[in-house]
Amino acid sequence: MEILFLYDRLLQISTRQLEAVKECDFERVEKLTRDRENVTGKICRIMENETFDSESEIFKKKAYDYTEKIINLDEEIKSRLLDELYKRTLRLSKLELLEDF
């Protein structure tokens, strides 16, 4: 089923995105974000297709499992990005304070 392949691809991209965040490789994070948007768009287009069988129990289970894993990765990505933003903001604030003296 093509859609499950796309869900797997989305999970792989999310995992690589978390690795990039951990390495503070923000250019790679941005590229992977675009990749995620493309794959998500493909999934949505398939689901909008009238011939798509969303009632399949196997699909529902696998899609749920993939979605849960992706959500968990997203939470960690978001947390790490906010931590990094906070650290950089603090560093800038300290630099501005030093310049004032």
Protein backbone atom coordinates (compact mmCIF):
# COMPACT_ATOMS: atom_id res chain seq x y z
CA MET A 1 0.00 0.00 0.00
CA GLU A 2 1.62 3.24 -1.18
CA ILE A 3 0.26 5.28 1.69
CA LEU A 4 1.98 3.12 4.32
CA PHE A 5 5.24 3.53 2.42
CA LEU A 6 4.70 7.31 2.65
CA TYR A 7 3.98 7.09 6.38
CA ASP A 8 7.22 5.14 6.80
CA ARG A 9 9.05 7.78 4.76
CA LEU A 10 7.55 10.50 6.97
CA LEU A 11 8.77 8.68 10.08
CA GLN A 12 12.27 8.37 8.60
CA ILE A 13 12.37 12.07 7.75
CA SER A 14 11.16 12.98 11.25
CA THR A 15 13.87 10.82 12.79
CA ARG A 16 16.54 12.47 10.64
CA GLN A 17 15.11 15.87 11.51
CA LEU A 18 15.50 15.15 15.23
CA GLU A 19 19.11 14.11 14.61
CA ALA A 20 19.71 17.38 12.74
CA VAL A 21 18.21 19.37 15.63
CA LYS A 22 20.47 17.55 18.10
CA GLU A 23 23.46 18.49 15.92
CA CYS A 24 22.22 22.11 15.57
CA ASP A 25 22.28 21.67 11.78
CA PHE A 26 19.43 24.07 11.08
CA GLU A 27 19.91 24.15 7.31
CA ARG A 28 19.32 20.40 7.28
CA VAL A 29 16.34 20.86 9.61
CA GLU A 30 14.80 23.29 7.11
CA LYS A 31 15.41 20.96 4.16
CA LEU A 32 13.88 18.04 6.05
CA THR A 33 10.91 20.22 7.00
CA ARG A 34 10.25 20.84 3.30
CA ASP A 35 10.59 17.10 2.64
CA ARG A 36 8.06 16.38 5.41
CA GLU A 37 5.62 18.89 3.94
CA ASN A 38 5.88 17.23 0.52
CA VAL A 39 5.30 13.73 1.90
CA THR A 40 2.44 14.93 4.11
CA GLY A 41 0.84 16.55 1.05
CA LYS A 42 1.09 13.28 -0.86
CA ILE A 43 -0.55 11.39 2.02
CA CYS A 44 -3.39 13.93 2.16
CA ARG A 45 -3.95 13.73 -1.60
CA ILE A 46 -4.17 9.94 -1.46
CA MET A 47 -6.62 10.08 1.45
CA GLU A 48 -8.82 12.55 -0.46
CA ASN A 49 -9.08 10.08 -3.34
CA GLU A 50 -12.54 8.52 -3.39
CA THR A 51 -11.13 5.05 -4.08
CA PHE A 52 -8.91 5.11 -0.98
CA ASP A 53 -9.97 2.42 1.51
CA SER A 54 -9.60 4.10 4.90
CA GLU A 55 -11.79 1.46 6.53
CA SER A 56 -9.10 -1.21 6.37
CA GLU A 57 -8.26 -2.29 9.92
CA ILE A 58 -4.65 -2.96 8.97
CA PHE A 59 -4.32 0.55 7.55
CA LYS A 60 -5.96 2.12 10.61
CA LYS A 61 -3.61 0.30 13.00
CA LYS A 62 -0.45 1.03 11.06
CA ALA A 63 -1.40 4.65 10.37
CA TYR A 64 -2.14 5.14 14.08
CA ASP A 65 1.20 3.59 15.06
CA TYR A 66 3.12 5.75 12.59
CA THR A 67 1.25 8.86 13.68
CA GLU A 68 2.01 8.22 17.36
CA LYS A 69 5.71 7.78 16.65
CA ILE A 70 5.81 10.93 14.52
CA ILE A 71 3.97 12.93 17.19
CA ASN A 72 6.50 11.81 19.81
CA LEU A 73 9.39 12.83 17.57
CA ASP A 74 7.70 16.17 16.87
CA GLU A 75 7.35 16.86 20.58
CA GLU A 76 11.05 16.23 21.13
CA ILE A 77 11.99 18.33 18.08
CA LYS A 78 9.81 21.19 19.30
CA SER A 79 11.23 21.01 22.81
CA ARG A 80 14.83 21.00 21.60
CA LEU A 81 14.21 23.86 19.18
CA LEU A 82 12.61 25.96 21.91
CA ASP A 83 15.52 25.19 24.25
CA GLU A 84 17.99 26.25 21.57
CA LEU A 85 16.04 29.43 20.87
CA TYR A 86 16.00 30.24 24.59
CA LYS A 87 19.76 29.66 24.90
CA ARG A 88 20.50 31.86 21.91
CA THR A 89 18.18 34.59 23.16
CA LEU A 90 19.90 34.55 26.55
CA ARG A 91 23.29 34.72 24.89
CA LEU A 92 22.20 37.72 22.80
CA SER A 93 20.78 39.45 25.87
CA LYS A 94 24.03 38.96 27.74
CA LEU A 95 26.01 40.33 24.79
CA GLU A 96 23.80 43.41 24.64
CA LEU A 97 24.26 43.95 28.37
CA LEU A 98 28.03 43.69 27.99
CA GLU A 99 27.98 46.19 25.13
CA ASP A 100 26.10 48.67 27.32
CA PHE A 101 28.99 48.76 29.79
